[in-house]
PDB file of N, CA and C in Angstrom:
ATOM      1  N   MET A   1      30.963  69.050 -61.989  1.00  0.00           N
ATOM      2  CA  MET A   1      29.927  68.992 -60.560  1.00  0.00           C
ATOM      3  C   MET A   1      29.856  67.774 -60.321  1.00  0.00           C
ATOM      4  N   LEU A   2      29.432  66.927 -61.131  1.00  0.00           N
ATOM      5  CA  LEU A   2      28.818  65.577 -60.844  1.00  0.00           C
ATOM      6  C   LEU A   2      30.071  64.576 -60.276  1.00  0.00           C
ATOM      7  N   LEU A   3      31.161  64.612 -60.810  1.00  0.00           N
ATOM      8  CA  LEU A   3      32.185  63.651 -60.380  1.00  0.00           C
ATOM      9  C   LEU A   3      32.647  64.292 -58.788  1.00  0.00           C
ATOM     10  N   THR A   4      32.581  65.844 -58.599  1.00  0.00           N
ATOM     11  CA  THR A   4      32.777  66.444 -57.361  1.00  0.00           C
ATOM     12  C   THR A   4      31.862  65.755 -56.405  1.00  0.00           C
ATOM     13  N   SER A   5      30.518  65.954 -56.719  1.00  0.00           N
ATOM     14  CA  SER A   5      29.435  65.420 -55.987  1.00  0.00           C
ATOM     15  C   SER A   5      29.382  63.888 -55.585  1.00  0.00           C
ATOM     16  N   VAL A   6      30.064  62.998 -56.615  1.00  0.00           N
ATOM     17  CA  VAL A   6      30.321  61.668 -56.415  1.00  0.00           C
ATOM     18  C   VAL A   6      31.502  61.535 -55.104  1.00  0.00           C
ATOM     19  N   ALA A   7      32.476  62.218 -55.159  1.00  0.00           N
ATOM     20  CA  ALA A   7      33.431  61.971 -54.359  1.00  0.00           C
ATOM     21  C   ALA A   7      33.100  62.560 -52.979  1.00  0.00           C
ATOM     22  N   VAL A   8      32.487  63.705 -52.808  1.00  0.00           N
ATOM     23  CA  VAL A   8      31.820  64.287 -51.483  1.00  0.00           C
ATOM     24  C   VAL A   8      30.930  63.061 -50.895  1.00  0.00           C
ATOM     25  N   TYR A   9      29.997  62.498 -51.849  1.00  0.00           N
ATOM     26  CA  TYR A   9      29.123  61.713 -51.305  1.00  0.00           C
ATOM     27  C   TYR A   9      29.849  60.319 -50.779  1.00  0.00           C
ATOM     28  N   ALA A  10      30.924  59.975 -51.473  1.00  0.00           N
ATOM     29  CA  ALA A  10      31.785  58.784 -51.076  1.00  0.00           C
ATOM     30  C   ALA A  10      32.291  58.936 -49.457  1.00  0.00           C
ATOM     31  N   ALA A  11      33.005  60.244 -49.721  1.00  0.00           N
ATOM     32  CA  ALA A  11      33.489  60.724 -48.265  1.00  0.00           C
ATOM     33  C   ALA A  11      32.660  60.577 -47.262  1.00  0.00           C
ATOM     34  N   THR A  12      31.387  61.100 -47.445  1.00  0.00           N
ATOM     35  CA  THR A  12      30.356  61.004 -46.328  1.00  0.00           C
ATOM     36  C   THR A  12      29.940  59.569 -46.055  1.00  0.00           C
ATOM     37  N   GLU A  13      29.909  58.625 -47.053  1.00  0.00           N
ATOM     38  CA  GLU A  13      29.330  57.258 -46.802  1.00  0.00           C
ATOM     39  C   GLU A  13      30.587  56.233 -46.589  1.00  0.00           C
ATOM     40  N   ARG A  14      31.948  56.855 -46.123  1.00  0.00           N
ATOM     41  CA  ARG A  14      32.956  56.178 -45.882  1.00  0.00           C
ATOM     42  C   ARG A  14      32.978  55.110 -44.782  1.00  0.00           C
ATOM     43  N   ARG A  15      32.226  55.358 -43.717  1.00  0.00           N
ATOM     44  CA  ARG A  15      32.228  54.511 -42.588  1.00  0.00           C
ATOM     45  C   ARG A  15      31.045  53.191 -42.869  1.00  0.00           C
ATOM     46  N   ARG A  16      30.185  53.676 -43.716  1.00  0.00           N
ATOM     47  CA  ARG A  16      29.224  52.551 -44.157  1.00  0.00           C
ATOM     48  C   ARG A  16      29.604  51.616 -44.914  1.00  0.00           C
ATOM     49  N   SER A  17      30.486  52.054 -45.970  1.00  0.00           N
ATOM     50  CA  SER A  17      31.052  51.170 -46.922  1.00  0.00           C
ATOM     51  C   SER A  17      32.397  51.700 -47.300  1.00  0.00           C
ATOM     52  N   PRO A  18      33.537  51.288 -46.627  1.00  0.00           N
ATOM     53  CA  PRO A  18      34.541  51.856 -47.152  1.00  0.00           C
ATOM     54  C   PRO A  18      35.510  51.589 -48.524  1.00  0.00           C
ATOM     55  N   VAL A  19      35.047  50.265 -48.938  1.00  0.00           N
ATOM     56  CA  VAL A  19      35.804  50.115 -49.972  1.00  0.00           C
ATOM     57  C   VAL A  19      34.912  50.621 -51.231  1.00  0.00           C
ATOM     58  N   VAL A  20      33.654  50.681 -51.215  1.00  0.00           N
ATOM     59  CA  VAL A  20      32.934  51.242 -52.326  1.00  0.00           C
ATOM     60  C   VAL A  20      33.248  52.666 -52.248  1.00  0.00           C
ATOM     61  N   ALA A  21      33.261  53.261 -50.989  1.00  0.00           N
ATOM     62  CA  ALA A  21      33.605  54.746 -51.072  1.00  0.00           C
ATOM     63  C   ALA A  21      35.122  54.951 -51.613  1.00  0.00           C
ATOM     64  N   LEU A  22      36.246  54.363 -51.245  1.00  0.00           N
ATOM     65  CA  LEU A  22      37.373  54.490 -51.834  1.00  0.00           C
ATOM     66  C   LEU A  22      37.486  54.319 -53.150  1.00  0.00           C
ATOM     67  N   LEU A  23      36.858  53.250 -53.875  1.00  0.00           N
ATOM     68  CA  LEU A  23      36.599  53.189 -55.387  1.00  0.00           C
ATOM     69  C   LEU A  23      35.942  54.116 -55.866  1.00  0.00           C
ATOM     70  N   SER A  24      35.012  54.575 -55.320  1.00  0.00           N
ATOM     71  CA  SER A  24      34.488  55.727 -55.951  1.00  0.00           C
ATOM     72  C   SER A  24      35.035  57.165 -55.929  1.00  0.00           C
ATOM     73  N   ILE A  25      35.869  57.428 -54.812  1.00  0.00           N
ATOM     74  CA  ILE A  25      36.803  58.576 -54.774  1.00  0.00           C
ATOM     75  C   ILE A  25      37.918  58.613 -55.796  1.00  0.00           C
ATOM     76  N   ILE A  26      38.415  57.321 -56.009  1.00  0.00           N
ATOM     77  CA  ILE A  26      39.469  57.050 -57.014  1.00  0.00           C
ATOM     78  C   ILE A  26      38.753  57.186 -58.194  1.00  0.00           C
ATOM     79  N   ALA A  27      37.610  56.656 -58.645  1.00  0.00           N
ATOM     80  CA  ALA A  27      37.104  56.810 -60.039  1.00  0.00           C
ATOM     81  C   ALA A  27      36.630  58.214 -60.095  1.00  0.00           C
ATOM     82  N   ALA A  28      36.310  58.932 -59.167  1.00  0.00           N
ATOM     83  CA  ALA A  28      36.004  60.591 -59.189  1.00  0.00           C
ATOM     84  C   ALA A  28      37.146  61.353 -59.713  1.00  0.00           C
ATOM     85  N   ALA A  29      38.176  61.015 -58.812  1.00  0.00           N
ATOM     86  CA  ALA A  29      39.313  61.701 -58.849  1.00  0.00           C
ATOM     87  C   ALA A  29      40.047  61.530 -60.651  1.00  0.00           C
ATOM     88  N   ALA A  30      40.121  60.292 -61.161  1.00  0.00           N
ATOM     89  CA  ALA A  30      40.730  60.050 -62.365  1.00  0.00           C
ATOM     90  C   ALA A  30      39.740  60.704 -63.213  1.00  0.00           C
ATOM     91  N   GLY A  31      38.361  60.760 -62.988  1.00  0.00           N
ATOM     92  CA  GLY A  31      37.511  61.318 -64.208  1.00  0.00           C
ATOM     93  C   GLY A  31      37.708  62.928 -63.961  1.00  0.00           C
ATOM     94  N   LEU A  32      37.758  63.699 -62.822  1.00  0.00           N
ATOM     95  CA  LEU A  32      38.252  64.676 -62.886  1.00  0.00           C
ATOM     96  C   LEU A  32      39.561  65.025 -63.421  1.00  0.00           C
ATOM     97  N   TYR A  33      40.489  64.335 -63.223  1.00  0.00           N
ATOM     98  CA  TYR A  33      41.767  64.443 -63.892  1.00  0.00           C
ATOM     99  C   TYR A  33      41.840  64.331 -65.455  1.00  0.00           C
ATOM    100  N   PHE A  34      41.034  63.254 -66.033  1.00  0.00           N
ATOM    101  CA  PHE A  34      41.030  62.945 -67.472  1.00  0.00           C
ATOM    102  C   PHE A  34      40.060  64.243 -68.064  1.00  0.00           C
ATOM    103  N   THR A  35      39.218  64.860 -67.259  1.00  0.00           N
ATOM    104  CA  THR A  35      38.199  65.973 -67.660  1.00  0.00           C
ATOM    105  C   THR A  35      39.239  67.313 -68.065  1.00  0.00           C
ATOM    106  N   TRP A  36      40.034  67.445 -66.798  1.00  0.00           N
ATOM    107  CA  TRP A  36      41.053  68.595 -67.092  1.00  0.00           C
ATOM    108  C   TRP A  36      42.110  68.581 -68.225  1.00  0.00           C
ATOM    109  N   THR A  37      42.460  67.219 -68.204  1.00  0.00           N
ATOM    110  CA  THR A  37      43.723  66.795 -69.159  1.00  0.00           C
ATOM    111  C   THR A  37      43.236  65.865 -70.348  1.00  0.00           C
ATOM    112  N   PRO A  38      42.272  66.084 -71.284  1.00  0.00           N
ATOM    113  CA  PRO A  38      41.975  64.913 -72.110  1.00  0.00           C
ATOM    114  C   PRO A  38      42.969  64.428 -72.993  1.00  0.00           C
ATOM    115  N   ASP A  39      43.945  65.229 -73.178  1.00  0.00           N
ATOM    116  CA  ASP A  39      45.157  64.480 -73.971  1.00  0.00           C
ATOM    117  C   ASP A  39      45.707  63.196 -73.058  1.00  0.00           C
ATOM    118  N   HIS A  40      45.633  63.425 -72.021  1.00  0.00           N
ATOM    119  CA  HIS A  40      46.245  62.202 -71.197  1.00  0.00           C
ATOM    120  C   HIS A  40      45.282  61.068 -71.324  1.00  0.00           C
ATOM    121  N   ALA A  41      43.952  61.598 -71.363  1.00  0.00           N
ATOM    122  CA  ALA A  41      43.196  60.324 -71.706  1.00  0.00           C
ATOM    123  C   ALA A  41      43.303  59.609 -72.820  1.00  0.00           C
ATOM    124  N   THR A  42      43.491  60.280 -73.859  1.00  0.00           N
ATOM    125  CA  THR A  42      43.604  59.895 -75.025  1.00  0.00           C
ATOM    126  C   THR A  42      45.095  58.793 -75.124  1.00  0.00           C
ATOM    127  N   GLN A  43      46.195  59.669 -74.577  1.00  0.00           N
ATOM    128  CA  GLN A  43      47.606  58.701 -74.377  1.00  0.00           C
ATOM    129  C   GLN A  43      47.362  57.261 -73.704  1.00  0.00           C
ATOM    130  N   VAL A  44      46.441  57.385 -72.634  1.00  0.00           N
ATOM    131  CA  VAL A  44      46.220  56.149 -71.996  1.00  0.00           C
ATOM    132  C   VAL A  44      45.293  55.257 -72.606  1.00  0.00           C
ATOM    133  N   ALA A  45      44.520  55.711 -73.628  1.00  0.00           N
ATOM    134  CA  ALA A  45      43.357  54.952 -74.400  1.00  0.00           C
ATOM    135  C   ALA A  45      44.510  54.333 -75.667  1.00  0.00           C
ATOM    136  N   MET A  46      45.230  55.079 -76.192  1.00  0.00           N
ATOM    137  CA  MET A  46      46.205  54.366 -77.210  1.00  0.00           C
ATOM    138  C   MET A  46      46.992  53.365 -76.559  1.00  0.00           C
ATOM    139  N   TRP A  47      47.450  53.200 -75.302  1.00  0.00           N
ATOM    140  CA  TRP A  47      48.203  52.499 -74.897  1.00  0.00           C
ATOM    141  C   TRP A  47      47.241  51.166 -74.369  1.00  0.00           C
ATOM    142  N   ALA A  48      46.235  51.607 -74.061  1.00  0.00           N
ATOM    143  CA  ALA A  48      45.300  50.390 -73.838  1.00  0.00           C
ATOM    144  C   ALA A  48      44.489  49.895 -75.158  1.00  0.00           C
ATOM    145  N   GLY A  49      44.728  50.419 -76.340  1.00  0.00           N
ATOM    146  CA  GLY A  49      44.428  49.773 -77.558  1.00  0.00           C
ATOM    147  C   GLY A  49      43.190  50.481 -78.132  1.00  0.00           C
ATOM    148  N   VAL A  50      42.593  51.346 -77.438  1.00  0.00           N
ATOM    149  CA  VAL A  50      41.320  51.812 -77.865  1.00  0.00           C
ATOM    150  C   VAL A  50      41.755  53.296 -78.542  1.00  0.00           C
ATOM    151  N   GLY A  51      40.861  53.873 -79.531  1.00  0.00           N
ATOM    152  CA  GLY A  51      41.067  54.797 -80.173  1.00  0.00           C
ATOM    153  C   GLY A  51      41.400  56.076 -79.689  1.00  0.00           C
ATOM    154  N   ARG A  52      40.106  56.654 -78.872  1.00  0.00           N
ATOM    155  CA  ARG A  52      40.129  58.083 -78.220  1.00  0.00           C
ATOM    156  C   ARG A  52      40.003  57.575 -76.581  1.00  0.00           C
ATOM    157  N   GLY A  53      40.479  58.766 -75.902  1.00  0.00           N
ATOM    158  CA  GLY A  53      40.276  58.753 -74.636  1.00  0.00           C
ATOM    159  C   GLY A  53      38.757  58.769 -74.034  1.00  0.00           C
ATOM    160  N   VAL A  54      37.783  59.333 -74.890  1.00  0.00           N
ATOM    161  CA  VAL A  54      36.641  59.480 -74.353  1.00  0.00           C
ATOM    162  C   VAL A  54      35.983  57.931 -74.632  1.00  0.00           C
ATOM    163  N   ASP A  55      36.289  57.273 -75.524  1.00  0.00           N
ATOM    164  CA  ASP A  55      35.863  55.877 -75.698  1.00  0.00           C
ATOM    165  C   ASP A  55      36.238  54.688 -74.413  1.00  0.00           C
ATOM    166  N   LEU A  56      37.649  55.168 -74.065  1.00  0.00           N
ATOM    167  CA  LEU A  56      38.166  54.419 -73.123  1.00  0.00           C
ATOM    168  C   LEU A  56      37.271  54.795 -71.766  1.00  0.00           C
ATOM    169  N   VAL A  57      36.981  56.107 -71.323  1.00  0.00           N
ATOM    170  CA  VAL A  57      36.094  56.646 -70.189  1.00  0.00           C
ATOM    171  C   VAL A  57      34.881  56.069 -70.408  1.00  0.00           C
ATOM    172  N   LEU A  58      34.377  55.718 -71.559  1.00  0.00           N
ATOM    173  CA  LEU A  58      32.806  55.295 -71.733  1.00  0.00           C
ATOM    174  C   LEU A  58      32.967  53.686 -71.327  1.00  0.00           C
ATOM    175  N   TYR A  59      33.960  53.186 -71.839  1.00  0.00           N
ATOM    176  CA  TYR A  59      34.098  51.486 -71.569  1.00  0.00           C
ATOM    177  C   TYR A  59      34.264  51.261 -70.076  1.00  0.00           C
ATOM    178  N   ILE A  60      35.025  51.881 -69.503  1.00  0.00           N
ATOM    179  CA  ILE A  60      35.084  52.001 -68.162  1.00  0.00           C
ATOM    180  C   ILE A  60      34.063  52.151 -67.260  1.00  0.00           C
ATOM    181  N   TRP A  61      33.096  53.157 -67.765  1.00  0.00           N
ATOM    182  CA  TRP A  61      32.191  53.573 -67.055  1.00  0.00           C
ATOM    183  C   TRP A  61      31.029  52.559 -67.358  1.00  0.00           C
ATOM    184  N   VAL A  62      31.038  51.807 -68.271  1.00  0.00           N
ATOM    185  CA  VAL A  62      29.991  50.980 -68.553  1.00  0.00           C
ATOM    186  C   VAL A  62      30.303  49.573 -67.570  1.00  0.00           C
ATOM    187  N   CYS A  63      31.588  49.338 -67.711  1.00  0.00           N
ATOM    188  CA  CYS A  63      32.003  48.225 -66.824  1.00  0.00           C
ATOM    189  C   CYS A  63      31.728  48.353 -65.506  1.00  0.00           C
ATOM    190  N   ILE A  64      32.215  49.663 -64.825  1.00  0.00           N
ATOM    191  CA  ILE A  64      31.628  50.038 -63.559  1.00  0.00           C
ATOM    192  C   ILE A  64      30.069  49.758 -63.110  1.00  0.00           C
ATOM    193  N   SER A  65      29.350  50.334 -64.132  1.00  0.00           N
ATOM    194  CA  SER A  65      28.073  50.400 -63.927  1.00  0.00           C
ATOM    195  C   SER A  65      27.196  49.059 -63.988  1.00  0.00           C
ATOM    196  N   LEU A  66      27.881  48.078 -64.719  1.00  0.00           N
ATOM    197  CA  LEU A  66      27.530  46.732 -64.556  1.00  0.00           C
ATOM    198  C   LEU A  66      27.912  46.099 -63.187  1.00  0.00           C
ATOM    199  N   ILE A  67      29.082  46.218 -62.994  1.00  0.00           N
ATOM    200  CA  ILE A  67      29.570  45.866 -61.613  1.00  0.00           C
ATOM    201  C   ILE A  67      28.585  46.360 -60.412  1.00  0.00           C
ATOM    202  N   VAL A  68      28.469  47.371 -60.612  1.00  0.00           N
ATOM    203  CA  VAL A  68      27.482  48.140 -59.327  1.00  0.00           C
ATOM    204  C   VAL A  68      25.993  47.560 -59.630  1.00  0.00           C
ATOM    205  N   LEU A  69      25.491  47.223 -60.800  1.00  0.00           N
ATOM    206  CA  LEU A  69      24.470  46.756 -60.748  1.00  0.00           C
ATOM    207  C   LEU A  69      24.240  45.282 -60.598  1.00  0.00           C
ATOM    208  N   LEU A  70      25.433  44.656 -60.736  1.00  0.00           N
ATOM    209  CA  LEU A  70      25.448  42.919 -60.305  1.00  0.00           C
ATOM    210  C   LEU A  70      25.452  43.105 -58.729  1.00  0.00           C
ATOM    211  N   ASN A  71      26.170  43.993 -58.279  1.00  0.00           N
ATOM    212  CA  ASN A  71      26.362  44.136 -56.743  1.00  0.00           C
ATOM    213  C   ASN A  71      24.892  44.118 -55.962  1.00  0.00           C
ATOM    214  N   LEU A  72      24.198  45.223 -56.618  1.00  0.00           N
ATOM    215  CA  LEU A  72      22.910  45.671 -56.017  1.00  0.00           C
ATOM    216  C   LEU A  72      21.805  44.294 -56.366  1.00  0.00           C
ATOM    217  N   HIS A  73      22.144  43.715 -57.471  1.00  0.00           N
ATOM    218  CA  HIS A  73      21.024  42.461 -57.785  1.00  0.00           C
ATOM    219  C   HIS A  73      21.603  41.448 -56.711  1.00  0.00           C
ATOM    220  N   LEU A  74      22.768  41.253 -56.197  1.00  0.00           N
ATOM    221  CA  LEU A  74      23.100  40.136 -55.297  1.00  0.00           C
ATOM    222  C   LEU A  74      22.789  40.484 -53.703  1.00  0.00           C
ATOM    223  N   LYS A  75      22.690  41.732 -53.456  1.00  0.00           N
ATOM    224  CA  LYS A  75      22.358  42.191 -52.237  1.00  0.00           C
ATOM    225  C   LYS A  75      20.690  42.199 -52.141  1.00  0.00           C
ATOM    226  N   LEU A  76      20.215  42.641 -53.140  1.00  0.00           N
ATOM    227  CA  LEU A  76      18.599  42.522 -53.177  1.00  0.00           C
ATOM    228  C   LEU A  76      18.282  41.158 -53.118  1.00  0.00           C
ATOM    229  N   ARG A  77      19.046  40.328 -53.503  1.00  0.00           N
ATOM    230  CA  ARG A  77      18.445  38.749 -53.836  1.00  0.00           C
ATOM    231  C   ARG A  77      18.871  38.041 -52.219  1.00  0.00           C
ATOM    232  N   ARG A  78      19.820  38.803 -51.572  1.00  0.00           N
ATOM    233  CA  ARG A  78      20.203  38.240 -50.018  1.00  0.00           C
ATOM    234  C   ARG A  78      19.258  38.613 -49.469  1.00  0.00           C
ATOM    235  N   GLN A  79      18.545  39.902 -49.339  1.00  0.00           N
ATOM    236  CA  GLN A  79      17.461  40.501 -48.785  1.00  0.00           C
ATOM    237  C   GLN A  79      16.401  39.724 -48.776  1.00  0.00           C
ATOM    238  N   MET A  80      16.064  39.356 -49.837  1.00  0.00           N
ATOM    239  CA  MET A  80      14.884  38.613 -50.156  1.00  0.00           C
ATOM    240  C   MET A  80      14.773  37.224 -49.433  1.00  0.00           C
ATOM    241  N   GLU A  81      15.986  36.679 -49.590  1.00  0.00           N
ATOM    242  CA  GLU A  81      16.250  35.387 -48.703  1.00  0.00           C
ATOM    243  C   GLU A  81      16.071  35.490 -47.264  1.00  0.00           C
ATOM    244  N   LEU A  82      16.520  36.363 -46.786  1.00  0.00           N
ATOM    245  CA  LEU A  82      16.364  36.896 -45.316  1.00  0.00           C
ATOM    246  C   LEU A  82      14.788  36.969 -45.093  1.00  0.00           C
ATOM    247  N   VAL A  83      14.254  37.541 -45.807  1.00  0.00           N
ATOM    248  CA  VAL A  83      12.800  37.970 -45.775  1.00  0.00           C
ATOM    249  C   VAL A  83      12.157  36.695 -45.662  1.00  0.00           C
ATOM    250  N   THR A  84      12.545  35.916 -46.483  1.00  0.00           N
ATOM    251  CA  THR A  84      11.820  34.674 -46.639  1.00  0.00           C
ATOM    252  C   THR A  84      11.963  33.460 -45.504  1.00  0.00           C
ATOM    253  N   VAL A  85      13.272  33.727 -44.986  1.00  0.00           N
ATOM    254  CA  VAL A  85      13.463  32.852 -43.650  1.00  0.00           C
ATOM    255  C   VAL A  85      12.691  33.460 -42.501  1.00  0.00           C
ATOM    256  N   MET A  86      12.538  34.814 -42.470  1.00  0.00           N
ATOM    257  CA  MET A  86      12.015  35.214 -41.561  1.00  0.00           C
ATOM    258  C   MET A  86      10.431  35.276 -41.417  1.00  0.00           C
ATOM    259  N   ALA A  87       9.938  35.148 -42.674  1.00  0.00           N
ATOM    260  CA  ALA A  87       8.588  34.874 -43.034  1.00  0.00           C
ATOM    261  C   ALA A  87       8.287  33.455 -42.618  1.00  0.00           C
ATOM    262  N   ARG A  88       9.184  32.435 -42.868  1.00  0.00           N
ATOM    263  CA  ARG A  88       8.979  31.082 -42.307  1.00  0.00           C
ATOM    264  C   ARG A  88       9.080  30.971 -41.127  1.00  0.00           C
ATOM    265  N   THR A  89       9.980  31.696 -40.199  1.00  0.00           N
ATOM    266  CA  THR A  89       9.804  31.586 -38.878  1.00  0.00           C
ATOM    267  C   THR A  89       8.897  32.101 -38.245  1.00  0.00           C
ATOM    268  N   ILE A  90       8.278  33.233 -38.445  1.00  0.00           N
ATOM    269  CA  ILE A  90       7.088  33.621 -38.021  1.00  0.00           C
ATOM    270  C   ILE A  90       6.032  32.798 -38.354  1.00  0.00           C
ATOM    271  N   ALA A  91       5.675  32.386 -39.344  1.00  0.00           N
ATOM    272  CA  ALA A  91       4.633  31.324 -39.569  1.00  0.00           C
ATOM    273  C   ALA A  91       4.808  30.042 -38.635  1.00  0.00           C
ATOM    274  N   LEU A  92       5.946  29.610 -38.485  1.00  0.00           N
ATOM    275  CA  LEU A  92       5.936  28.393 -37.747  1.00  0.00           C
ATOM    276  C   LEU A  92       5.794  28.801 -35.933  1.00  0.00           C
ATOM    277  N   ALA A  93       6.251  29.925 -35.976  1.00  0.00           N
ATOM    278  CA  ALA A  93       5.889  30.397 -34.190  1.00  0.00           C
ATOM    279  C   ALA A  93       4.414  30.561 -34.075  1.00  0.00           C
ATOM    280  N   GLU A  94       3.769  31.219 -35.079  1.00  0.00           N
ATOM    281  CA  GLU A  94       2.353  31.399 -35.037  1.00  0.00           C
ATOM    282  C   GLU A  94       1.724  29.981 -34.980  1.00  0.00           C
ATOM    283  N   ALA A  95       2.144  28.953 -35.619  1.00  0.00           N
ATOM    284  CA  ALA A  95       1.590  27.698 -35.684  1.00  0.00           C
ATOM    285  C   ALA A  95       1.777  27.194 -34.463  1.00  0.00           C
ATOM    286  N   ARG A  96       2.760  27.015 -34.056  1.00  0.00           N
ATOM    287  CA  ARG A  96       2.806  26.398 -32.449  1.00  0.00           C
ATOM    288  C   ARG A  96       2.349  27.345 -31.438  1.00  0.00           C
ATOM    289  N   HIS A  97       2.033  28.566 -31.723  1.00  0.00           N
ATOM    290  CA  HIS A  97       1.234  29.310 -30.692  1.00  0.00           C
ATOM    291  C   HIS A  97      -0.361  28.923 -30.630  1.00  0.00           C
ATOM    292  N   ARG A  98      -0.711  28.825 -31.893  1.00  0.00           N
ATOM    293  CA  ARG A  98      -2.245  28.400 -32.227  1.00  0.00           C
ATOM    294  C   ARG A  98      -2.239  26.934 -31.766  1.00  0.00           C
ATOM    295  N   LEU A  99      -1.287  26.159 -31.938  1.00  0.00           N
ATOM    296  CA  LEU A  99      -1.399  24.918 -31.749  1.00  0.00           C
ATOM    297  C   LEU A  99      -1.298  24.569 -30.088  1.00  0.00           C
ATOM    298  N   SER A 100      -0.494  25.606 -29.489  1.00  0.00           N
ATOM    299  CA  SER A 100      -0.753  25.500 -27.905  1.00  0.00           C
ATOM    300  C   SER A 100      -1.789  25.832 -27.292  1.00  0.00           C
ATOM    301  N   GLU A 101      -2.540  26.986 -28.121  1.00  0.00           N
ATOM    302  CA  GLU A 101      -3.774  27.324 -27.431  1.00  0.00           C
ATOM    303  C   GLU A 101      -4.889  26.450 -27.682  1.00  0.00           C
ATOM    304  N   LYS A 102      -4.784  25.807 -28.860  1.00  0.00           N
ATOM    305  CA  LYS A 102      -5.706  24.503 -28.935  1.00  0.00           C
ATOM    306  C   LYS A 102      -5.687  23.595 -27.948  1.00  0.00           C
ATOM    307  N   ALA A 103      -4.635  23.188 -27.840  1.00  0.00           N
ATOM    308  CA  ALA A 103      -4.199  22.137 -26.795  1.00  0.00           C
ATOM    309  C   ALA A 103      -4.583  22.524 -25.342  1.00  0.00           C
ATOM    310  N   GLY A 104      -4.778  23.760 -24.993  1.00  0.00           N
ATOM    311  CA  GLY A 104      -4.995  24.233 -23.835  1.00  0.00           C
ATOM    312  C   GLY A 104      -3.791  23.977 -22.964  1.00  0.00           C
ATOM    313  N   ARG A 105      -3.900  23.558 -21.820  1.00  0.00           N
ATOM    314  CA  ARG A 105      -2.933  23.272 -20.707  1.00  0.00           C
ATOM    315  C   ARG A 105      -2.327  22.011 -21.055  1.00  0.00           C
ATOM    316  N   ARG A 106      -2.687  20.857 -22.070  1.00  0.00           N
ATOM    317  CA  ARG A 106      -2.222  19.773 -22.274  1.00  0.00           C
ATOM    318  C   ARG A 106      -0.736  20.303 -22.719  1.00  0.00           C
ATOM    319  N   ARG A 107      -0.077  18.850 -22.568  1.00  0.00           N
ATOM    320  CA  ARG A 107       1.518  19.139 -23.071  1.00  0.00           C
ATOM    321  C   ARG A 107       1.404  18.732 -24.409  1.00  0.00           C
ATOM    322  N   LEU A 108       2.330  19.470 -25.117  1.00  0.00           N
ATOM    323  CA  LEU A 108       2.395  19.166 -26.617  1.00  0.00           C
ATOM    324  C   LEU A 108       3.039  17.862 -26.986  1.00  0.00           C
ATOM    325  N   PRO A 109       2.763  17.286 -27.946  1.00  0.00           N
ATOM    326  CA  PRO A 109       3.648  15.885 -28.298  1.00  0.00           C
ATOM    327  C   PRO A 109       5.012  16.303 -28.472  1.00  0.00           C
ATOM    328  N   GLU A 110       5.868  15.265 -28.113  1.00  0.00           N
ATOM    329  CA  GLU A 110       7.341  15.602 -28.111  1.00  0.00           C
ATOM    330  C   GLU A 110       7.950  15.873 -29.641  1.00  0.00           C
ATOM    331  N   ALA A 111       7.239  15.451 -30.668  1.00  0.00           N
ATOM    332  CA  ALA A 111       7.745  15.963 -32.013  1.00  0.00           C
ATOM    333  C   ALA A 111       7.407  17.466 -32.311  1.00  0.00           C
ATOM    334  N   VAL A 112       6.083  17.827 -31.639  1.00  0.00           N
ATOM    335  CA  VAL A 112       6.327  19.095 -32.154  1.00  0.00           C
ATOM    336  C   VAL A 112       6.786  20.340 -31.208  1.00  0.00           C
ATOM    337  N   ARG A 113       7.182  19.774 -29.898  1.00  0.00           N
ATOM    338  CA  ARG A 113       7.848  20.693 -29.140  1.00  0.00           C
ATOM    339  C   ARG A 113       9.170  20.908 -29.394  1.00  0.00           C
ATOM    340  N   ASP A 114       9.905  19.906 -30.143  1.00  0.00           N
ATOM    341  CA  ASP A 114      11.343  19.672 -30.658  1.00  0.00           C
ATOM    342  C   ASP A 114      11.663  20.671 -31.819  1.00  0.00           C
ATOM    343  N   ARG A 115      10.391  21.036 -32.551  1.00  0.00           N
ATOM    344  CA  ARG A 115      10.625  21.741 -33.916  1.00  0.00           C
ATOM    345  C   ARG A 115      10.970  23.289 -33.604  1.00  0.00           C
TER     346      ARG A 115
END
């Protein structure tokens, strides 16, 4: 049921992230196939140098999970950098606005206007 749910969710999110959706559908389909035919998973595992098919599936799952975690970490970091840039921009805009209010209708110095 979980693998089918992953495939359905990936299909619905296909427009937002087509690469991730495609990889998720492939992983879910492979998981479903190896669930139905565990002997094939064992054959693939032996070919890959792993003792059992269950171990191979577990190793692949751990690798996929680590890649997903790294991807989420990088996206979160990028968003935090964007928030920092936005906060700096807002702070500078407020400072310029307050400086212009204090100056009244006088012209701002050239160095302040160019920033």
